[in-house]
Amino acid sequence: MFSSIHADDYTSWKGPILMNSYSLPTPDSPYGAVKVYMESLGRFYANKGVEVVCIRLGGVNADDKKHLEDEPGYEKVYLSHRDLTDLIIRCIEIDKIPGNYSLLYGISNNTNRYHDFSNSLGWAPLSNATD
């Protein structure tokens, strides 16, 4: 499932500890709240035996730009096409989803990022905002 970084109000993050997928979500909008609901639905199905991965997608754009003029700070949540592809392949090829459920942030290894991309699937981004 594709969730979103909007499942957590990253714009109010104060740091220095990165936001992680183990914390209670605090959606930043109705859109984020719907994503939290979808993640909960994923947990429901995981408890029924279905393997579920919820990826809180960072900033992906058609041109794969790390900086957007109209979105200050975009480079902190950027997810490259290369990392997105690698993450999806990892989700498909993994033998078993631990506990049938995984929730993770899909972001590149960006300077001054808000989110911790550690996860139970063993995926790590290949890109960073300075590539």
Protein backbone atom coordinates (compact mmCIF):
# COMPACT_ATOMS: atom_id res chain seq x y z
CA MET A 1 0.00 0.00 0.00
CA PHE A 2 1.15 3.49 -0.68
CA SER A 3 0.68 5.69 2.32
CA SER A 4 2.17 9.14 2.72
CA ILE A 5 4.51 11.18 4.89
CA HIS A 6 1.34 13.19 5.60
CA ALA A 7 0.33 10.39 8.00
CA ASP A 8 2.66 12.27 10.36
CA ASP A 9 2.81 16.03 10.73
CA TYR A 10 6.44 16.31 9.67
CA THR A 11 6.18 20.09 9.22
CA SER A 12 6.00 20.51 13.01
CA TRP A 13 8.92 18.13 13.67
CA LYS A 14 11.45 19.65 16.04
CA GLY A 15 14.13 16.93 15.98
CA PRO A 16 16.83 15.96 16.61
CA ILE A 17 15.52 12.36 16.61
CA LEU A 18 14.15 11.43 13.20
CA MET A 19 10.47 10.60 12.85
CA ASN A 20 9.95 6.85 12.69
CA SER A 21 7.15 4.52 11.69
CA TYR A 22 6.89 3.05 15.21
CA SER A 23 5.44 6.23 16.72
CA LEU A 24 1.74 6.94 17.00
CA PRO A 25 0.83 8.78 13.78
CA THR A 26 -0.33 12.37 13.90
CA PRO A 27 -1.82 13.19 10.49
CA ASP A 28 -1.35 16.70 9.14
CA SER A 29 -4.57 16.80 7.12
CA PRO A 30 -7.70 14.82 6.21
CA TYR A 31 -5.60 13.24 3.44
CA GLY A 32 -3.05 12.10 6.06
CA ALA A 33 -5.84 10.77 8.28
CA VAL A 34 -7.14 8.61 5.42
CA LYS A 35 -3.63 7.23 4.95
CA VAL A 36 -3.47 6.33 8.65
CA TYR A 37 -6.82 4.55 8.24
CA MET A 38 -5.40 2.60 5.27
CA GLU A 39 -2.38 1.58 7.36
CA SER A 40 -4.74 0.33 10.08
CA LEU A 41 -6.71 -1.60 7.50
CA GLY A 42 -3.43 -3.14 6.38
CA ARG A 43 -2.77 -4.26 9.98
CA PHE A 44 -6.24 -5.81 10.07
CA TYR A 45 -5.51 -7.89 6.95
CA ALA A 46 -2.01 -8.77 8.20
CA ASN A 47 -3.64 -10.24 11.30
CA LYS A 48 -5.79 -12.35 8.94
CA GLY A 49 -2.65 -13.76 7.27
CA VAL A 50 -2.13 -11.40 4.32
CA GLU A 51 1.36 -9.94 3.93
CA VAL A 52 1.11 -6.12 3.87
CA VAL A 53 3.71 -3.41 3.33
CA CYS A 54 2.70 0.22 3.84
CA ILE A 55 5.12 2.73 2.36
CA ARG A 56 4.82 6.32 3.52
CA LEU A 57 5.96 7.90 0.29
CA GLY A 58 8.06 11.02 0.38
CA GLY A 59 8.20 13.58 -2.40
CA VAL A 60 8.14 11.95 -5.83
CA ASN A 61 7.72 14.06 -8.94
CA ALA A 62 7.57 13.35 -12.66
CA ASP A 63 10.89 15.06 -13.42
CA ASP A 64 12.74 13.45 -10.48
CA LYS A 65 13.80 16.88 -9.21
CA LYS A 66 15.36 17.12 -5.76
CA HIS A 67 14.41 20.77 -5.34
CA LEU A 68 11.08 22.39 -6.24
CA GLU A 69 10.91 26.17 -6.38
CA ASP A 70 7.36 26.33 -5.03
CA GLU A 71 8.03 23.86 -2.16
CA PRO A 72 10.75 25.03 0.24
CA GLY A 73 12.37 22.12 2.07
CA TYR A 74 11.28 19.57 -0.56
CA GLU A 75 14.81 18.12 -0.64
CA LYS A 76 14.24 16.88 2.95
CA VAL A 77 11.37 14.58 1.91
CA TYR A 78 12.51 13.78 -1.64
CA LEU A 79 12.22 10.19 -2.92
CA SER A 80 14.15 9.51 -6.11
CA HIS A 81 12.76 7.35 -8.89
CA ARG A 82 15.77 5.05 -8.40
CA ASP A 83 15.01 4.57 -4.69
CA LEU A 84 11.29 4.11 -5.28
CA THR A 85 11.99 1.43 -7.88
CA ASP A 86 14.51 -0.30 -5.62
CA LEU A 87 12.06 -0.23 -2.69
CA ILE A 88 9.21 -1.74 -4.71
CA ILE A 89 11.50 -4.48 -6.01
CA ARG A 90 12.57 -5.21 -2.42
CA CYS A 91 8.94 -5.50 -1.32
CA ILE A 92 8.18 -7.92 -4.15
CA GLU A 93 11.29 -10.06 -3.83
CA ILE A 94 11.48 -10.43 -0.03
CA ASP A 95 10.74 -14.00 1.02
CA LYS A 96 8.60 -13.12 4.04
CA ILE A 97 7.26 -9.89 5.49
CA PRO A 98 8.16 -10.06 9.21
CA GLY A 99 4.94 -10.44 11.19
CA ASN A 100 3.00 -10.08 7.90
CA TYR A 101 3.18 -6.28 8.28
CA SER A 102 5.72 -3.59 7.64
CA LEU A 103 5.32 0.18 7.75
CA LEU A 104 8.18 2.31 6.53
CA TYR A 105 9.13 5.70 5.15
CA GLY A 106 10.00 5.72 1.47
CA ILE A 107 12.48 8.60 1.27
CA SER A 108 15.95 9.03 -0.10
CA ASN A 109 18.96 9.58 2.14
CA ASN A 110 18.44 13.34 2.20
CA THR A 111 20.48 15.92 4.08
CA ASN A 112 18.51 17.27 7.07
CA ARG A 113 15.70 14.76 6.45
CA TYR A 114 12.82 14.43 8.90
CA HIS A 115 12.28 10.70 8.57
CA ASP A 116 14.09 7.55 9.63
CA PHE A 117 14.08 5.08 6.75
CA SER A 118 15.15 2.04 8.84
CA ASN A 119 12.82 -0.90 8.38
CA SER A 120 12.34 -4.64 8.84
CA LEU A 121 12.73 -5.35 5.11
CA GLY A 122 16.41 -4.52 5.00
CA TRP A 123 15.93 -1.75 2.43
CA ALA A 124 18.08 1.36 2.39
CA PRO A 125 17.98 4.20 -0.14
CA LEU A 126 20.65 4.42 -2.81
CA SER A 127 20.23 8.16 -3.43
CA ASN A 128 20.53 11.36 -1.47
CA ALA A 129 19.57 14.94 -2.22
CA THR A 130 23.17 15.79 -3.04
CA ASP A 131 23.57 13.11 -5.78
